[in-house]
Every structure is written in structure tokens, then in C-alpha cells.
């Protein structure tokens, strides 16, 4: 290899290391605001007659990230939903999206991720990605509609390259809102959510966004 070629390779390797280091905040001191972390992870979504219960955290967490999951059930409107909020270093929180993690857990993608924007109660909007996944076992079939988005300031978005979009923020939040689908109903995969589920999803994004923003 000529000296010029070796120099070019060295520059490219160094540039890649710098970009990766910036994305993962390798050289930064990660110091989240404890008050905001407690506020966001302690939030219980308020919606109708929903009863909430914290569920064990099964998602593997990358370095210096925190996650909290809850299950919500409405007896009156007859639906179940789950929320998971993850916060931490942008390079860690921006990766491991459901379209990657669910397939690694035995789920097949029934409906590829697409971007949706919803109006929020109280004003504003949230943009998130939504997909449908299915896992078949010997005695059961499990289907889930999963929505996810990121924010650093309370406004939820779902950019194509979240890792680079948020690489310079001090702390990143990712919210999942999941609702089970009937396993034998093929139409439910393509149809929109029932009105109560849509309202709960909007309430979840609105309330978590307000908690992140400190409102």
C-alpha cells in the first residue's frame, strides 16, 4: 500500500471513530437531570378509567439507560395497552428499535413501520412510527401494534436516522405504546385503531412529552 493510500485509510478510520464516539457520547460525561428522570419514569398516564400497573422490565438496557414499563386496562372501553419509556445516552436510546428487536425475539413483521402524526389533547402533535408484529407458538398466536418515537425536549418525532438526528442532545427519551391485536382477525392488522385506543395513544404521548418538557 502506498503512503498516500495508507494516509487516506487512516483519515477515514479516524473520522469514523470520531463520528461513532460523538454518537455514543464516548468522551462526554453523562449527567441526566435526576428530577426530570424521576418525573418521567414515575409518570402514570391518566386516561378514563384505565388502571395501571408497573410490569417487570425485560428489555435489555445499554449503558447508562433507564427504562420503565406499565400495563393499562380499561374495563369500560375494553382495551389493554402498554407503555415503555427509556432514557439515557442518545447513541444507546436511538438504536434497538422494535423492527430490529422484535424480529430477534421471534416475531414476524405483519405490517412494516410507517410514520403517523396525531393531534394531541391540549395542542401540538406527535409523530411516531407504527408497525404490527406477530409471534406464533405451539399453542398461541400473539399480535401487537407497536408505536415508538423519540424526544429530547417534549416534542415527539420519528426521523429516519434518529442516532444522528439526536447525537448532540444531552439526554434522549424513547416512548413505546403497544396494544394487543386479536390473533384471528386479519382485518385488524390493516385497520386503524379503535377510537379509545387512539385517544389513549394521544394521551400517552401528550403526558410523557409534558413530563420531559417540565410542563
N, C-alpha and C. Protein backbone atom coordinates (compact mmCIF):
# COMPACT_ATOMS: atom_id res chain seq x y z
N UNK A 1 0.84 -1.19 0.00
CA UNK A 1 0.00 0.00 0.00
C UNK A 1 0.88 1.25 0.00
N UNK A 2 0.60 2.20 -0.88
CA UNK A 2 1.39 3.42 -0.95
C UNK A 2 1.16 4.28 0.28
N UNK A 3 2.08 5.24 0.49
CA UNK A 3 1.94 6.13 1.64
C UNK A 3 0.66 6.95 1.55
N UNK A 4 0.28 7.36 0.31
CA UNK A 4 -0.94 8.15 0.13
C UNK A 4 -2.17 7.32 0.50
N UNK A 5 -2.22 6.07 0.02
CA UNK A 5 -3.35 5.21 0.33
C UNK A 5 -3.46 4.94 1.82
N UNK A 6 -2.31 4.71 2.45
CA UNK A 6 -2.30 4.46 3.88
C UNK A 6 -2.82 5.68 4.65
N UNK A 7 -2.43 6.86 4.19
CA UNK A 7 -2.87 8.09 4.85
C UNK A 7 -4.37 8.27 4.72
N UNK A 8 -4.91 7.97 3.53
CA UNK A 8 -6.35 8.11 3.30
C UNK A 8 -7.12 7.14 4.19
N UNK A 9 -6.64 5.89 4.28
CA UNK A 9 -7.30 4.90 5.13
C UNK A 9 -7.28 5.36 6.58
N UNK A 10 -6.14 5.89 7.02
CA UNK A 10 -6.01 6.35 8.40
C UNK A 10 -6.99 7.48 8.70
N UNK A 11 -7.15 8.41 7.75
CA UNK A 11 -8.08 9.52 7.93
C UNK A 11 -9.51 9.01 8.01
N UNK A 12 -9.88 8.07 7.15
CA UNK A 12 -11.24 7.53 7.15
C UNK A 12 -11.53 6.79 8.45
N UNK A 13 -10.57 6.01 8.93
CA UNK A 13 -10.76 5.29 10.19
C UNK A 13 -10.93 6.27 11.34
N UNK A 14 -10.08 7.30 11.35
CA UNK A 14 -10.16 8.30 12.43
C UNK A 14 -11.50 9.04 12.38
N UNK A 15 -11.97 9.39 11.17
CA UNK A 15 -13.24 10.09 11.04
C UNK A 15 -14.40 9.22 11.53
N UNK A 16 -14.34 7.93 11.16
CA UNK A 16 -15.38 7.02 11.62
C UNK A 16 -15.39 6.90 13.13
N UNK A 17 -14.22 6.87 13.74
CA UNK A 17 -14.14 6.78 15.20
C UNK A 17 -14.70 8.02 15.86
N UNK A 18 -14.43 9.18 15.27
CA UNK A 18 -14.94 10.43 15.83
C UNK A 18 -16.45 10.47 15.76
N UNK A 19 -17.03 10.08 14.60
CA UNK A 19 -18.49 10.09 14.45
C UNK A 19 -19.12 9.11 15.43
N UNK A 20 -18.57 7.91 15.53
CA UNK A 20 -19.12 6.92 16.44
C UNK A 20 -18.99 7.39 17.89
N UNK A 21 -17.88 7.96 18.23
CA UNK A 21 -17.68 8.44 19.58
C UNK A 21 -18.63 9.56 19.94
N UNK A 22 -18.91 10.44 18.97
CA UNK A 22 -19.86 11.52 19.22
C UNK A 22 -21.27 10.98 19.38
N UNK A 23 -21.63 9.99 18.54
CA UNK A 23 -22.98 9.43 18.60
C UNK A 23 -23.23 8.71 19.91
N UNK A 24 -22.21 8.06 20.45
CA UNK A 24 -22.36 7.31 21.69
C UNK A 24 -21.95 8.11 22.91
N UNK A 25 -21.52 9.35 22.69
CA UNK A 25 -21.05 10.23 23.77
C UNK A 25 -19.95 9.55 24.58
N UNK A 26 -19.03 8.92 23.86
CA UNK A 26 -17.96 8.15 24.50
C UNK A 26 -17.09 9.04 25.37
N UNK A 27 -16.89 10.28 24.93
CA UNK A 27 -15.98 11.16 25.67
C UNK A 27 -16.71 12.18 26.54
N UNK A 28 -18.03 12.10 26.57
CA UNK A 28 -18.81 13.07 27.34
C UNK A 28 -19.16 12.50 28.71
N UNK A 29 -19.36 13.38 29.65
CA UNK A 29 -19.82 12.99 30.97
C UNK A 29 -21.34 13.03 30.96
N UNK A 30 -21.98 11.88 31.12
CA UNK A 30 -23.43 11.79 31.05
C UNK A 30 -24.00 12.10 32.44
N UNK A 31 -24.72 13.19 32.53
CA UNK A 31 -25.26 13.60 33.83
C UNK A 31 -26.70 14.05 33.65
N UNK A 32 -27.65 13.09 33.61
CA UNK A 32 -29.06 13.46 33.44
C UNK A 32 -29.57 14.22 34.65
N UNK A 33 -30.63 14.97 34.42
CA UNK A 33 -31.29 15.71 35.50
C UNK A 33 -32.10 14.72 36.33
N UNK A 34 -31.70 14.47 37.58
CA UNK A 34 -32.41 13.46 38.38
C UNK A 34 -33.88 13.77 38.56
N UNK A 35 -34.21 15.07 38.70
CA UNK A 35 -35.62 15.44 38.90
C UNK A 35 -36.45 15.08 37.67
N UNK A 36 -35.91 15.36 36.48
CA UNK A 36 -36.65 15.04 35.26
C UNK A 36 -36.74 13.53 35.08
N UNK A 37 -35.66 12.81 35.34
CA UNK A 37 -35.69 11.36 35.23
C UNK A 37 -36.76 10.76 36.12
N UNK A 38 -36.82 11.21 37.39
CA UNK A 38 -37.83 10.70 38.32
C UNK A 38 -39.24 11.07 37.86
N UNK A 39 -39.39 12.29 37.35
CA UNK A 39 -40.71 12.76 36.91
C UNK A 39 -41.22 11.93 35.73
N UNK A 40 -40.35 11.70 34.76
CA UNK A 40 -40.76 10.98 33.56
C UNK A 40 -41.03 9.51 33.86
N UNK A 41 -40.11 8.87 34.56
CA UNK A 41 -40.27 7.43 34.83
C UNK A 41 -41.33 7.15 35.89
N UNK A 42 -41.68 8.15 36.67
CA UNK A 42 -42.75 7.98 37.65
C UNK A 42 -44.13 8.29 37.12
N UNK A 43 -44.21 8.75 35.87
CA UNK A 43 -45.50 9.16 35.30
C UNK A 43 -46.42 7.96 35.10
N UNK A 44 -47.66 8.13 35.51
CA UNK A 44 -48.73 7.18 35.21
C UNK A 44 -49.72 7.91 34.31
N UNK A 45 -49.94 7.39 33.11
CA UNK A 45 -50.83 8.05 32.15
C UNK A 45 -52.24 8.10 32.71
N UNK A 46 -52.83 9.25 32.65
CA UNK A 46 -54.21 9.44 33.11
C UNK A 46 -55.13 9.41 31.89
N UNK A 47 -55.99 8.41 31.87
CA UNK A 47 -56.95 8.32 30.76
C UNK A 47 -58.17 7.53 31.23
N UNK A 48 -59.33 8.17 31.24
CA UNK A 48 -60.58 7.49 31.54
C UNK A 48 -60.51 6.66 32.81
N UNK A 49 -60.99 5.41 32.69
CA UNK A 49 -61.00 4.52 33.85
C UNK A 49 -59.82 3.57 33.85
N UNK A 50 -58.79 3.88 33.08
CA UNK A 50 -57.64 2.98 32.98
C UNK A 50 -56.99 2.74 34.34
N UNK A 51 -56.76 1.49 34.63
CA UNK A 51 -55.99 1.12 35.81
C UNK A 51 -54.60 0.71 35.36
N UNK A 52 -53.59 1.21 36.07
CA UNK A 52 -52.20 1.00 35.66
C UNK A 52 -51.47 0.12 36.65
N UNK A 53 -50.56 -0.66 36.12
CA UNK A 53 -49.69 -1.47 36.96
C UNK A 53 -48.31 -1.55 36.35
N UNK A 54 -47.28 -1.38 37.18
CA UNK A 54 -45.92 -1.47 36.66
C UNK A 54 -45.59 -2.92 36.36
N UNK A 55 -44.91 -3.16 35.26
CA UNK A 55 -44.57 -4.52 34.88
C UNK A 55 -43.05 -4.67 34.88
N UNK A 56 -42.56 -5.89 35.14
CA UNK A 56 -41.11 -6.10 35.17
C UNK A 56 -40.46 -5.67 33.87
N UNK A 57 -39.29 -5.08 33.97
CA UNK A 57 -38.57 -4.59 32.79
C UNK A 57 -37.75 -5.72 32.20
N UNK A 58 -38.14 -6.15 30.98
CA UNK A 58 -37.46 -7.26 30.32
C UNK A 58 -36.54 -6.81 29.20
N UNK A 59 -36.67 -5.55 28.77
CA UNK A 59 -35.84 -5.08 27.67
C UNK A 59 -34.40 -4.90 28.13
N UNK A 60 -33.44 -5.51 27.44
CA UNK A 60 -32.04 -5.29 27.84
C UNK A 60 -31.64 -3.84 27.61
N UNK A 61 -30.99 -3.24 28.61
CA UNK A 61 -30.63 -1.83 28.52
C UNK A 61 -29.14 -1.67 28.24
N UNK A 62 -28.86 -0.79 27.31
CA UNK A 62 -27.47 -0.48 27.03
C UNK A 62 -26.94 0.45 28.10
N UNK A 63 -25.68 0.81 27.98
CA UNK A 63 -25.02 1.55 29.05
C UNK A 63 -25.75 2.82 29.44
N UNK A 64 -25.88 3.00 30.75
CA UNK A 64 -26.41 4.22 31.35
C UNK A 64 -27.78 4.62 30.83
N UNK A 65 -28.65 3.66 30.61
CA UNK A 65 -30.03 3.97 30.22
C UNK A 65 -30.99 3.40 31.26
N UNK A 66 -32.17 4.02 31.35
CA UNK A 66 -33.17 3.64 32.33
C UNK A 66 -34.48 3.38 31.61
N UNK A 67 -35.22 2.36 32.05
CA UNK A 67 -36.49 2.03 31.39
C UNK A 67 -37.56 1.70 32.43
N UNK A 68 -38.79 2.09 32.13
CA UNK A 68 -39.93 1.79 32.98
C UNK A 68 -41.11 1.41 32.09
N UNK A 69 -41.80 0.32 32.44
CA UNK A 69 -42.93 -0.15 31.64
C UNK A 69 -44.17 -0.30 32.53
N UNK A 70 -45.32 0.01 31.94
CA UNK A 70 -46.58 -0.14 32.66
C UNK A 70 -47.65 -0.73 31.74
N UNK A 71 -48.58 -1.42 32.36
CA UNK A 71 -49.72 -2.00 31.66
C UNK A 71 -50.98 -1.26 32.09
N UNK A 72 -51.81 -0.90 31.11
CA UNK A 72 -53.05 -0.17 31.36
C UNK A 72 -54.23 -0.99 30.86
N UNK A 73 -55.29 -1.02 31.63
CA UNK A 73 -56.50 -1.73 31.22
C UNK A 73 -57.72 -0.87 31.53
N UNK A 74 -58.57 -0.73 30.52
CA UNK A 74 -59.82 0.00 30.68
C UNK A 74 -60.97 -1.00 30.62
N UNK A 75 -61.69 -1.11 31.75
CA UNK A 75 -62.83 -2.02 31.78
C UNK A 75 -63.99 -1.45 30.98
N UNK A 76 -64.19 -0.13 31.07
CA UNK A 76 -65.31 0.49 30.39
C UNK A 76 -65.17 0.49 28.87
N UNK A 77 -63.96 0.81 28.39
CA UNK A 77 -63.74 0.89 26.95
C UNK A 77 -63.08 -0.37 26.38
N UNK A 78 -62.82 -1.30 27.25
CA UNK A 78 -62.38 -2.65 26.89
C UNK A 78 -61.14 -2.66 25.98
N UNK A 79 -60.06 -2.15 26.50
CA UNK A 79 -58.80 -2.28 25.78
C UNK A 79 -57.66 -2.38 26.78
N UNK A 80 -56.56 -2.92 26.29
CA UNK A 80 -55.33 -3.04 27.07
C UNK A 80 -54.22 -2.37 26.28
N UNK A 81 -53.34 -1.66 26.97
CA UNK A 81 -52.20 -1.03 26.32
C UNK A 81 -51.01 -1.07 27.27
N UNK A 82 -49.83 -1.02 26.69
CA UNK A 82 -48.60 -0.99 27.46
C UNK A 82 -47.77 0.20 27.03
N UNK A 83 -47.08 0.81 27.99
CA UNK A 83 -46.13 1.87 27.66
C UNK A 83 -44.76 1.50 28.21
N UNK A 84 -43.73 1.89 27.49
CA UNK A 84 -42.35 1.76 27.97
C UNK A 84 -41.63 3.05 27.64
N UNK A 85 -41.00 3.64 28.64
CA UNK A 85 -40.23 4.86 28.44
C UNK A 85 -38.77 4.54 28.75
N UNK A 86 -37.89 4.92 27.86
CA UNK A 86 -36.45 4.67 28.01
C UNK A 86 -35.73 6.00 27.91
N UNK A 87 -34.77 6.24 28.78
CA UNK A 87 -34.00 7.47 28.73
C UNK A 87 -32.53 7.15 28.94
N UNK A 88 -31.69 8.01 28.36
CA UNK A 88 -30.26 7.80 28.52
C UNK A 88 -29.45 8.45 27.43
N UNK A 89 -28.28 7.89 27.17
CA UNK A 89 -27.37 8.41 26.16
C UNK A 89 -28.00 8.30 24.78
N UNK A 90 -27.98 9.36 23.98
CA UNK A 90 -28.61 9.30 22.66
C UNK A 90 -28.16 8.11 21.81
N UNK A 91 -26.88 7.81 21.81
CA UNK A 91 -26.39 6.71 20.98
C UNK A 91 -26.98 5.38 21.36
N UNK A 92 -27.34 5.21 22.64
CA UNK A 92 -27.94 3.96 23.09
C UNK A 92 -29.45 3.97 22.90
N UNK A 93 -30.10 5.07 23.24
CA UNK A 93 -31.56 5.13 23.19
C UNK A 93 -32.08 5.18 21.75
N UNK A 94 -31.28 5.74 20.84
CA UNK A 94 -31.74 5.89 19.45
C UNK A 94 -31.73 4.58 18.69
N UNK A 95 -31.00 3.57 19.18
CA UNK A 95 -30.88 2.30 18.47
C UNK A 95 -31.82 1.26 19.06
N UNK A 96 -31.74 0.04 18.54
CA UNK A 96 -32.54 -1.08 19.02
C UNK A 96 -34.03 -0.77 18.95
N UNK A 97 -34.49 -0.43 17.76
CA UNK A 97 -35.90 -0.15 17.53
C UNK A 97 -36.69 -1.46 17.39
N UNK A 98 -38.01 -1.43 17.58
CA UNK A 98 -38.80 -2.67 17.54
C UNK A 98 -38.65 -3.48 16.26
N UNK A 99 -38.48 -2.83 15.11
CA UNK A 99 -38.35 -3.59 13.87
C UNK A 99 -37.10 -4.46 13.88
N UNK A 100 -36.14 -4.15 14.76
CA UNK A 100 -34.95 -4.98 14.92
C UNK A 100 -35.12 -5.92 16.10
N UNK A 101 -35.53 -5.39 17.25
CA UNK A 101 -35.60 -6.18 18.47
C UNK A 101 -36.70 -7.24 18.42
N UNK A 102 -37.85 -6.90 17.86
CA UNK A 102 -38.94 -7.87 17.83
C UNK A 102 -38.59 -9.08 16.98
N UNK A 103 -37.95 -8.85 15.85
CA UNK A 103 -37.56 -9.98 15.00
C UNK A 103 -36.55 -10.86 15.72
N UNK A 104 -35.71 -10.25 16.55
CA UNK A 104 -34.75 -11.03 17.32
C UNK A 104 -35.39 -11.82 18.44
N UNK A 105 -36.65 -11.50 18.77
CA UNK A 105 -37.37 -12.20 19.84
C UNK A 105 -38.41 -13.17 19.28
N UNK A 106 -38.31 -13.46 18.00
CA UNK A 106 -39.19 -14.46 17.40
C UNK A 106 -40.44 -13.92 16.75
N UNK A 107 -40.57 -12.59 16.62
CA UNK A 107 -41.74 -12.01 15.97
C UNK A 107 -41.51 -11.84 14.47
N UNK A 108 -42.58 -12.01 13.72
CA UNK A 108 -42.56 -11.68 12.30
C UNK A 108 -43.27 -10.35 12.10
N UNK A 109 -42.84 -9.58 11.11
CA UNK A 109 -43.45 -8.29 10.83
C UNK A 109 -44.66 -8.50 9.91
N UNK A 110 -45.85 -8.17 10.39
CA UNK A 110 -47.06 -8.27 9.58
C UNK A 110 -47.35 -6.97 8.85
N UNK A 111 -46.93 -5.86 9.44
CA UNK A 111 -47.14 -4.56 8.81
C UNK A 111 -45.88 -3.73 9.06
N UNK A 112 -45.19 -3.39 7.98
CA UNK A 112 -43.91 -2.69 8.09
C UNK A 112 -44.08 -1.32 8.73
N UNK A 113 -43.04 -0.81 9.39
CA UNK A 113 -43.16 0.50 10.04
C UNK A 113 -43.56 1.60 9.07
N UNK A 114 -44.49 2.43 9.51
CA UNK A 114 -44.86 3.62 8.75
C UNK A 114 -44.98 4.77 9.73
N UNK A 115 -44.89 5.97 9.22
CA UNK A 115 -44.89 7.16 10.06
C UNK A 115 -46.30 7.73 10.16
N UNK A 116 -46.72 8.06 11.37
CA UNK A 116 -48.02 8.67 11.60
C UNK A 116 -47.85 9.92 12.46
N UNK A 117 -48.71 10.90 12.24
CA UNK A 117 -48.73 12.11 13.06
C UNK A 117 -50.13 12.27 13.63
N UNK A 118 -50.22 12.47 14.94
CA UNK A 118 -51.52 12.59 15.59
C UNK A 118 -51.59 13.91 16.34
N UNK A 119 -52.80 14.45 16.40
CA UNK A 119 -53.04 15.65 17.21
C UNK A 119 -53.14 15.24 18.67
N UNK A 120 -52.57 16.07 19.55
CA UNK A 120 -52.53 15.76 20.96
C UNK A 120 -53.56 16.60 21.72
N UNK A 121 -54.14 16.04 22.77
CA UNK A 121 -55.04 16.84 23.59
C UNK A 121 -54.28 18.00 24.22
N UNK A 122 -54.84 19.17 24.15
CA UNK A 122 -54.16 20.33 24.68
C UNK A 122 -53.33 21.06 23.65
N UNK A 123 -53.24 20.53 22.43
CA UNK A 123 -52.49 21.19 21.37
C UNK A 123 -51.20 20.47 21.03
N UNK A 124 -50.70 20.75 19.84
CA UNK A 124 -49.47 20.12 19.37
C UNK A 124 -49.72 18.78 18.70
N UNK A 125 -48.67 18.18 18.20
CA UNK A 125 -48.75 16.89 17.53
C UNK A 125 -47.61 16.00 17.98
N UNK A 126 -47.74 14.72 17.70
CA UNK A 126 -46.67 13.74 17.90
C UNK A 126 -46.55 12.93 16.63
N UNK A 127 -45.33 12.73 16.19
CA UNK A 127 -45.06 11.88 15.03
C UNK A 127 -44.33 10.64 15.53
N UNK A 128 -44.85 9.48 15.16
CA UNK A 128 -44.23 8.23 15.61
C UNK A 128 -44.25 7.21 14.48
N UNK A 129 -43.47 6.14 14.65
CA UNK A 129 -43.50 5.00 13.75
C UNK A 129 -44.41 3.94 14.34
N UNK A 130 -45.14 3.22 13.49
CA UNK A 130 -46.04 2.18 13.96
C UNK A 130 -45.89 0.95 13.06
N UNK A 131 -45.86 -0.22 13.69
CA UNK A 131 -45.75 -1.48 12.96
C UNK A 131 -46.53 -2.54 13.71
N UNK A 132 -46.84 -3.65 13.01
CA UNK A 132 -47.56 -4.77 13.63
C UNK A 132 -46.66 -6.00 13.56
N UNK A 133 -46.55 -6.70 14.70
CA UNK A 133 -45.70 -7.88 14.80
C UNK A 133 -46.52 -9.06 15.30
N UNK A 134 -46.08 -10.26 14.89
CA UNK A 134 -46.77 -11.49 15.31
C UNK A 134 -45.75 -12.53 15.73
N UNK A 135 -46.08 -13.23 16.83
CA UNK A 135 -45.25 -14.36 17.26
C UNK A 135 -46.14 -15.58 17.43
N UNK A 136 -45.81 -16.64 16.72
CA UNK A 136 -46.57 -17.88 16.79
C UNK A 136 -45.84 -18.90 17.65
N UNK A 137 -46.59 -19.51 18.55
CA UNK A 137 -46.08 -20.58 19.37
C UNK A 137 -46.95 -21.81 19.17
N UNK A 138 -46.58 -22.89 19.82
CA UNK A 138 -47.30 -24.15 19.60
C UNK A 138 -48.78 -24.03 19.95
N UNK A 139 -49.09 -23.26 20.99
CA UNK A 139 -50.48 -23.19 21.45
C UNK A 139 -51.07 -21.79 21.40
N UNK A 140 -50.35 -20.82 20.85
CA UNK A 140 -50.88 -19.45 20.88
C UNK A 140 -50.30 -18.62 19.75
N UNK A 141 -51.00 -17.54 19.44
CA UNK A 141 -50.54 -16.55 18.48
C UNK A 141 -50.66 -15.18 19.15
N UNK A 142 -49.59 -14.42 19.14
CA UNK A 142 -49.57 -13.10 19.78
C UNK A 142 -49.31 -12.03 18.73
N UNK A 143 -50.20 -11.05 18.67
CA UNK A 143 -50.03 -9.93 17.75
C UNK A 143 -50.01 -8.62 18.53
N UNK A 144 -49.12 -7.72 18.13
CA UNK A 144 -49.00 -6.43 18.81
C UNK A 144 -48.80 -5.32 17.80
N UNK A 145 -49.51 -4.22 18.04
CA UNK A 145 -49.27 -3.00 17.29
C UNK A 145 -48.36 -2.13 18.16
N UNK A 146 -47.21 -1.76 17.61
CA UNK A 146 -46.19 -1.06 18.39
C UNK A 146 -45.93 0.30 17.76
N UNK A 147 -45.96 1.33 18.61
CA UNK A 147 -45.66 2.70 18.16
C UNK A 147 -44.45 3.19 18.95
N UNK A 148 -43.55 3.94 18.29
CA UNK A 148 -42.38 4.44 19.00
C UNK A 148 -41.89 5.76 18.40
N UNK A 149 -41.34 6.59 19.27
CA UNK A 149 -40.83 7.90 18.86
C UNK A 149 -39.82 8.37 19.89
N UNK A 150 -39.10 9.46 19.54
CA UNK A 150 -38.05 10.00 20.41
C UNK A 150 -38.32 11.48 20.68
N UNK A 151 -37.76 11.94 21.79
CA UNK A 151 -37.76 13.37 22.07
C UNK A 151 -36.61 13.72 23.01
N UNK A 152 -36.14 14.94 22.89
CA UNK A 152 -35.18 15.48 23.85
C UNK A 152 -35.76 16.67 24.59
N UNK A 153 -36.89 17.20 24.06
CA UNK A 153 -37.45 18.43 24.63
C UNK A 153 -38.95 18.37 24.87
N UNK A 154 -39.58 17.22 24.62
CA UNK A 154 -41.02 17.09 24.82
C UNK A 154 -41.82 16.99 23.55
N UNK A 155 -41.20 17.25 22.38
CA UNK A 155 -41.87 17.11 21.09
C UNK A 155 -41.45 15.80 20.45
N UNK A 156 -42.40 14.91 20.23
CA UNK A 156 -42.10 13.56 19.75
C UNK A 156 -41.94 13.54 18.23
N UNK A 157 -40.89 12.84 17.77
CA UNK A 157 -40.64 12.73 16.33
C UNK A 157 -40.06 11.35 16.04
N UNK A 158 -40.08 10.96 14.77
CA UNK A 158 -39.59 9.65 14.35
C UNK A 158 -38.76 9.82 13.08
N UNK A 159 -37.58 10.42 13.18
CA UNK A 159 -36.75 10.64 11.99
C UNK A 159 -36.16 9.34 11.46
N UNK A 160 -35.74 9.38 10.19
CA UNK A 160 -35.16 8.19 9.58
C UNK A 160 -33.87 7.77 10.25
N UNK A 161 -33.08 8.73 10.68
CA UNK A 161 -31.78 8.42 11.28
C UNK A 161 -31.71 9.07 12.65
N UNK A 162 -32.41 8.47 13.61
CA UNK A 162 -32.52 9.06 14.94
C UNK A 162 -31.16 9.19 15.61
N UNK A 163 -30.27 8.26 15.35
CA UNK A 163 -28.97 8.29 16.02
C UNK A 163 -28.19 9.56 15.68
N UNK A 164 -28.29 9.98 14.43
CA UNK A 164 -27.57 11.18 14.00
C UNK A 164 -28.38 12.45 14.26
N UNK A 165 -29.69 12.33 14.19
CA UNK A 165 -30.55 13.49 14.47
C UNK A 165 -30.34 13.98 15.91
N UNK A 166 -30.18 13.04 16.84
CA UNK A 166 -30.13 13.41 18.25
C UNK A 166 -28.74 13.25 18.87
N UNK A 167 -27.72 13.14 18.05
CA UNK A 167 -26.41 12.81 18.58
C UNK A 167 -25.83 13.89 19.49
N UNK A 168 -26.31 15.12 19.39
CA UNK A 168 -25.73 16.21 20.19
C UNK A 168 -26.59 16.64 21.37
N UNK A 169 -27.68 15.92 21.63
CA UNK A 169 -28.51 16.30 22.77
C UNK A 169 -27.94 15.66 24.03
N UNK A 170 -28.15 16.26 25.20
CA UNK A 170 -27.56 15.71 26.43
C UNK A 170 -28.23 14.43 26.91
N UNK A 171 -29.51 14.26 26.61
CA UNK A 171 -30.25 13.07 27.04
C UNK A 171 -31.42 12.86 26.09
N UNK A 172 -31.70 11.59 25.77
CA UNK A 172 -32.76 11.27 24.81
C UNK A 172 -33.78 10.35 25.47
N UNK A 173 -35.05 10.54 25.09
CA UNK A 173 -36.15 9.72 25.57
C UNK A 173 -36.80 9.00 24.39
N UNK A 174 -37.16 7.73 24.61
CA UNK A 174 -37.88 6.97 23.59
C UNK A 174 -39.12 6.36 24.25
N UNK A 175 -40.28 6.54 23.62
CA UNK A 175 -41.53 6.03 24.16
C UNK A 175 -42.11 4.97 23.23
N UNK A 176 -42.50 3.83 23.81
CA UNK A 176 -43.26 2.80 23.12
C UNK A 176 -44.68 2.82 23.66
N UNK A 177 -45.66 2.72 22.78
CA UNK A 177 -47.05 2.48 23.18
C UNK A 177 -47.52 1.27 22.38
N UNK A 178 -47.87 0.21 23.09
CA UNK A 178 -48.17 -1.09 22.47
C UNK A 178 -49.60 -1.49 22.79
N UNK A 179 -50.31 -2.01 21.79
CA UNK A 179 -51.65 -2.54 22.03
C UNK A 179 -51.78 -3.91 21.37
N UNK A 180 -52.30 -4.90 22.09
CA UNK A 180 -52.50 -6.23 21.51
C UNK A 180 -53.60 -6.20 20.45
N UNK A 181 -53.47 -7.08 19.47
CA UNK A 181 -54.48 -7.24 18.42
C UNK A 181 -55.06 -8.64 18.49
N UNK A 182 -56.32 -8.83 18.09
CA UNK A 182 -56.91 -10.16 18.08
C UNK A 182 -56.13 -11.09 17.16
N UNK A 183 -55.70 -12.25 17.62
CA UNK A 183 -54.84 -13.11 16.79
C UNK A 183 -55.53 -13.69 15.57
N UNK A 184 -56.86 -13.83 15.61
CA UNK A 184 -57.54 -14.45 14.48
C UNK A 184 -58.17 -13.47 13.52
N UNK A 185 -58.01 -12.18 13.76
CA UNK A 185 -58.67 -11.16 12.95
C UNK A 185 -57.68 -10.53 11.98
N UNK A 186 -57.69 -10.99 10.72
CA UNK A 186 -56.75 -10.47 9.74
C UNK A 186 -57.01 -9.01 9.42
N UNK A 187 -58.26 -8.58 9.50
CA UNK A 187 -58.59 -7.19 9.18
C UNK A 187 -58.00 -6.22 10.20
N UNK A 188 -57.85 -6.67 11.45
CA UNK A 188 -57.35 -5.78 12.50
C UNK A 188 -55.94 -5.30 12.23
N UNK A 189 -55.16 -6.06 11.47
CA UNK A 189 -53.79 -5.68 11.16
C UNK A 189 -53.76 -4.44 10.28
N UNK A 190 -54.67 -4.38 9.33
CA UNK A 190 -54.67 -3.26 8.38
C UNK A 190 -55.53 -2.10 8.85
N UNK A 191 -56.51 -2.37 9.70
CA UNK A 191 -57.43 -1.31 10.11
C UNK A 191 -56.76 -0.34 11.09
N UNK A 192 -57.35 0.84 11.21
CA UNK A 192 -56.89 1.80 12.21
C UNK A 192 -57.31 1.32 13.60
N UNK A 193 -56.68 1.89 14.60
CA UNK A 193 -57.03 1.56 15.98
C UNK A 193 -58.46 2.00 16.29
N UNK A 194 -59.13 1.32 17.20
CA UNK A 194 -60.43 1.82 17.68
C UNK A 194 -60.24 3.18 18.34
N UNK A 195 -61.32 3.96 18.39
CA UNK A 195 -61.24 5.31 18.91
C UNK A 195 -60.67 5.39 20.33
N UNK A 196 -61.06 4.49 21.26
CA UNK A 196 -60.48 4.59 22.61
C UNK A 196 -58.97 4.36 22.62
N UNK A 197 -58.49 3.45 21.80
CA UNK A 197 -57.05 3.20 21.74
C UNK A 197 -56.32 4.41 21.16
N UNK A 198 -56.89 5.01 20.10
CA UNK A 198 -56.28 6.22 19.53
C UNK A 198 -56.21 7.33 20.57
N UNK A 199 -57.26 7.46 21.36
CA UNK A 199 -57.28 8.51 22.38
C UNK A 199 -56.25 8.23 23.46
N UNK A 200 -56.10 6.97 23.85
CA UNK A 200 -55.08 6.63 24.85
C UNK A 200 -53.68 6.91 24.31
N UNK A 201 -53.42 6.53 23.08
CA UNK A 201 -52.10 6.77 22.48
C UNK A 201 -51.78 8.26 22.49
N UNK A 202 -52.74 9.09 22.09
CA UNK A 202 -52.52 10.53 22.08
C UNK A 202 -52.28 11.05 23.50
N UNK A 203 -53.03 10.53 24.47
CA UNK A 203 -52.85 10.96 25.85
C UNK A 203 -51.47 10.57 26.36
N UNK A 204 -51.01 9.38 26.02
CA UNK A 204 -49.70 8.93 26.48
C UNK A 204 -48.59 9.82 25.93
N UNK A 205 -48.61 10.09 24.64
CA UNK A 205 -47.57 10.94 24.06
C UNK A 205 -47.65 12.36 24.62
N UNK A 206 -48.86 12.86 24.82
CA UNK A 206 -49.00 14.22 25.36
C UNK A 206 -48.46 14.31 26.78
N UNK A 207 -48.82 13.36 27.62
CA UNK A 207 -48.42 13.44 29.03
C UNK A 207 -46.94 13.15 29.22
N UNK A 208 -46.39 12.21 28.48
CA UNK A 208 -44.95 11.97 28.59
C UNK A 208 -44.16 13.16 28.01
N UNK A 209 -44.67 13.74 26.93
CA UNK A 209 -43.99 14.92 26.38
C UNK A 209 -43.97 16.07 27.36
N UNK A 210 -45.09 16.28 28.05
CA UNK A 210 -45.16 17.35 29.05
C UNK A 210 -44.22 17.08 30.20
N UNK A 211 -44.08 15.81 30.60
CA UNK A 211 -43.17 15.47 31.69
C UNK A 211 -41.72 15.74 31.31
N UNK A 212 -41.35 15.40 30.07
CA UNK A 212 -39.99 15.67 29.60
C UNK A 212 -39.73 17.17 29.58
N UNK A 213 -40.72 17.93 29.10
CA UNK A 213 -40.55 19.38 28.98
C UNK A 213 -40.69 20.10 30.31
N UNK A 214 -41.19 19.40 31.34
CA UNK A 214 -41.35 20.04 32.64
C UNK A 214 -42.60 20.89 32.74
N UNK A 215 -43.61 20.57 31.93
CA UNK A 215 -44.85 21.35 31.98
C UNK A 215 -45.84 20.73 32.96
